[in-house]
Amino acid sequence: MNRLKPIKKGVRNILLATFVAGTVDIFCAVVVYALILGKTTPLKILQSIAAGMVGKEAYEGELAMAGYGLLLHFFITLLFAIFYFLLVRLITFLKRHRTFCGIIYGIFIWLVMNLIVLPTVFPGIKPGDTDAILTGMAIVIVAVGIPMAYIVPRS
């Protein structure tokens, strides 16, 4: 029974990191891009995530597609939490330097999403100008990278 305790704790930490990072990330995206910059709406943000899987039809699905986008957002966050969990088990440095590693992991996540995932799903999409890149990267660092670096390795 005691052998399962670290596994249960690891799963709990992964799920907690997913919930915290996913929630803070989508909240920041809505606040920055919809409320502060006025570039979009909360509904469109979530529909855009869904569009990665279902295409342009996501923008016609209203709340159903927004809900699907939110689920997809949390699924992607879960994958990054699992990956960080696996990294922490291999690289002890990650446990000792959480803020630094959270910043680096946030940059890594931004790079993966903006240079691999989004261009694959939406051919022709580009990261944007320097301000857009720095804004997006800052959100991912603060909302996802740093929370994961503190929550995932807790033991």
Protein backbone atom coordinates (compact mmCIF):
# COMPACT_ATOMS: atom_id res chain seq x y z
CA MET A 1 0.00 0.00 0.00
CA ASN A 2 2.80 2.46 0.80
CA ARG A 3 4.20 2.01 -2.71
CA LEU A 4 1.06 3.62 -4.13
CA LYS A 5 1.33 6.72 -1.95
CA PRO A 6 3.90 8.53 -4.19
CA ILE A 7 1.86 7.65 -7.28
CA LYS A 8 -1.35 8.98 -5.70
CA LYS A 9 0.46 12.13 -4.62
CA GLY A 10 1.92 12.55 -8.12
CA VAL A 11 -1.51 12.18 -9.73
CA ARG A 12 -2.99 14.61 -7.22
CA ASN A 13 -0.23 17.16 -7.92
CA ILE A 14 -0.65 16.77 -11.69
CA LEU A 15 -4.40 17.33 -11.43
CA LEU A 16 -3.98 20.29 -9.07
CA ALA A 17 -1.37 21.86 -11.35
CA THR A 18 -3.68 21.31 -14.32
CA PHE A 19 -6.59 22.98 -12.56
CA VAL A 20 -4.58 25.94 -11.24
CA ALA A 21 -2.53 26.58 -14.39
CA GLY A 22 -5.46 25.99 -16.73
CA THR A 23 -7.71 28.32 -14.75
CA VAL A 24 -5.14 31.10 -14.32
CA ASP A 25 -4.08 30.85 -17.98
CA ILE A 26 -7.58 31.14 -19.42
CA PHE A 27 -8.40 33.90 -16.92
CA CYS A 28 -5.31 35.86 -17.98
CA ALA A 29 -6.11 35.34 -21.66
CA VAL A 30 -9.62 36.72 -21.16
CA VAL A 31 -8.46 39.66 -19.06
CA VAL A 32 -5.58 40.64 -21.35
CA TYR A 33 -6.93 39.90 -24.82
CA ALA A 34 -10.65 40.56 -24.29
CA LEU A 35 -10.88 43.12 -21.51
CA ILE A 36 -7.64 45.11 -21.64
CA LEU A 37 -6.65 44.95 -25.33
CA GLY A 38 -10.18 44.46 -26.69
CA LYS A 39 -8.91 42.16 -29.47
CA THR A 40 -11.55 39.46 -28.97
CA THR A 41 -14.23 38.15 -26.64
CA PRO A 42 -14.10 35.38 -24.03
CA LEU A 43 -16.41 33.30 -26.24
CA LYS A 44 -14.12 33.69 -29.26
CA ILE A 45 -11.06 32.74 -27.19
CA LEU A 46 -12.67 29.44 -26.23
CA GLN A 47 -14.08 28.86 -29.70
CA SER A 48 -10.61 29.43 -31.15
CA ILE A 49 -9.25 26.65 -28.96
CA ALA A 50 -12.03 24.35 -30.19
CA ALA A 51 -11.30 25.39 -33.78
CA GLY A 52 -7.96 23.66 -33.41
CA MET A 53 -9.84 20.36 -33.45
CA VAL A 54 -13.07 21.01 -35.35
CA GLY A 55 -12.15 23.84 -37.70
CA LYS A 56 -14.11 26.98 -38.54
CA GLU A 57 -17.38 25.35 -37.47
CA ALA A 58 -16.30 26.06 -33.90
CA TYR A 59 -17.29 29.71 -34.38
CA GLU A 60 -20.85 28.68 -35.22
CA GLY A 61 -21.29 26.47 -32.17
CA GLU A 62 -21.66 29.26 -29.61
CA LEU A 63 -21.53 27.96 -26.03
CA ALA A 64 -21.19 24.28 -26.93
CA MET A 65 -17.99 24.94 -28.83
CA ALA A 66 -16.75 27.29 -26.12
CA GLY A 67 -17.26 24.46 -23.62
CA TYR A 68 -15.41 22.09 -25.92
CA GLY A 69 -12.60 24.64 -26.23
CA LEU A 70 -12.39 24.93 -22.44
CA LEU A 71 -12.14 21.13 -22.10
CA LEU A 72 -9.47 21.03 -24.79
CA HIS A 73 -7.59 23.83 -23.02
CA PHE A 74 -7.53 21.82 -19.79
CA PHE A 75 -6.52 18.65 -21.66
CA ILE A 76 -3.53 20.43 -23.19
CA THR A 77 -2.63 21.82 -19.77
CA LEU A 78 -2.86 18.29 -18.35
CA LEU A 79 -0.41 17.03 -20.98
CA PHE A 80 2.10 19.73 -20.03
CA ALA A 81 1.65 18.90 -16.32
CA ILE A 82 2.28 15.21 -16.98
CA PHE A 83 5.37 16.06 -19.03
CA TYR A 84 6.71 18.27 -16.22
CA PHE A 85 6.03 15.48 -13.72
CA LEU A 86 8.12 13.10 -15.83
CA LEU A 87 10.89 15.69 -16.14
CA VAL A 88 10.98 16.30 -12.38
CA ARG A 89 11.48 12.58 -11.78
CA LEU A 90 14.51 12.63 -14.09
CA ILE A 91 16.04 16.03 -13.32
CA THR A 92 16.31 16.91 -9.62
CA PHE A 93 17.49 20.43 -10.49
CA LEU A 94 13.83 21.22 -11.27
CA LYS A 95 12.85 20.71 -7.62
CA ARG A 96 15.60 22.94 -6.26
CA HIS A 97 15.17 25.93 -8.61
CA ARG A 98 11.43 26.18 -9.05
CA THR A 99 11.04 29.81 -10.10
CA PHE A 100 13.86 29.66 -12.65
CA CYS A 101 12.62 26.31 -13.99
CA GLY A 102 9.03 27.61 -14.10
CA ILE A 103 10.16 30.52 -16.26
CA ILE A 104 12.10 28.20 -18.56
CA TYR A 105 9.17 25.76 -18.72
CA GLY A 106 6.78 28.60 -19.52
CA ILE A 107 9.02 29.67 -22.40
CA PHE A 108 9.22 26.05 -23.55
CA ILE A 109 5.41 25.72 -23.50
CA TRP A 110 5.01 28.98 -25.43
CA LEU A 111 7.53 27.81 -28.03
CA VAL A 112 5.88 24.41 -28.45
CA MET A 113 2.41 25.93 -28.77
CA ASN A 114 3.35 28.85 -31.02
CA LEU A 115 6.03 27.32 -33.20
CA ILE A 116 4.78 23.73 -33.50
CA VAL A 117 1.16 23.16 -32.43
CA LEU A 118 -0.59 26.30 -33.70
CA PRO A 119 1.20 26.42 -37.09
CA THR A 120 0.39 22.73 -37.57
CA VAL A 121 -3.28 23.19 -36.72
CA PHE A 122 -3.65 26.59 -38.37
CA PRO A 123 -1.27 26.71 -41.36
CA GLY A 124 0.02 30.19 -42.05
CA ILE A 125 -0.43 31.47 -38.50
CA LYS A 126 2.49 33.49 -37.16
CA PRO A 127 3.39 34.35 -33.54
CA GLY A 128 2.91 38.10 -34.14
CA ASP A 129 4.99 41.15 -33.44
CA THR A 130 7.42 41.50 -30.54
CA ASP A 131 4.78 42.92 -28.18
CA ALA A 132 2.39 40.05 -28.94
CA ILE A 133 5.13 37.49 -28.42
CA LEU A 134 6.26 39.00 -25.11
CA THR A 135 2.68 39.35 -23.86
CA GLY A 136 1.81 35.76 -24.73
CA MET A 137 5.05 34.42 -23.31
CA ALA A 138 4.62 36.39 -20.07
CA ILE A 139 1.12 34.98 -19.61
CA VAL A 140 2.31 31.41 -20.12
CA ILE A 141 5.28 31.88 -17.78
CA VAL A 142 3.22 33.39 -14.96
CA ALA A 143 0.02 31.39 -15.45
CA VAL A 144 1.39 27.97 -16.40
CA GLY A 145 5.15 27.54 -16.07
CA ILE A 146 5.65 28.88 -12.55
CA PRO A 147 2.53 27.26 -11.03
CA MET A 148 3.51 23.90 -12.50
CA ALA A 149 7.07 24.25 -11.20
CA TYR A 150 5.74 24.76 -7.67
CA ILE A 151 2.79 22.36 -7.66
CA VAL A 152 3.89 19.31 -9.66
CA PRO A 153 7.02 18.42 -7.65
CA ARG A 154 5.43 18.89 -4.21
CA SER A 155 6.03 15.86 -2.02
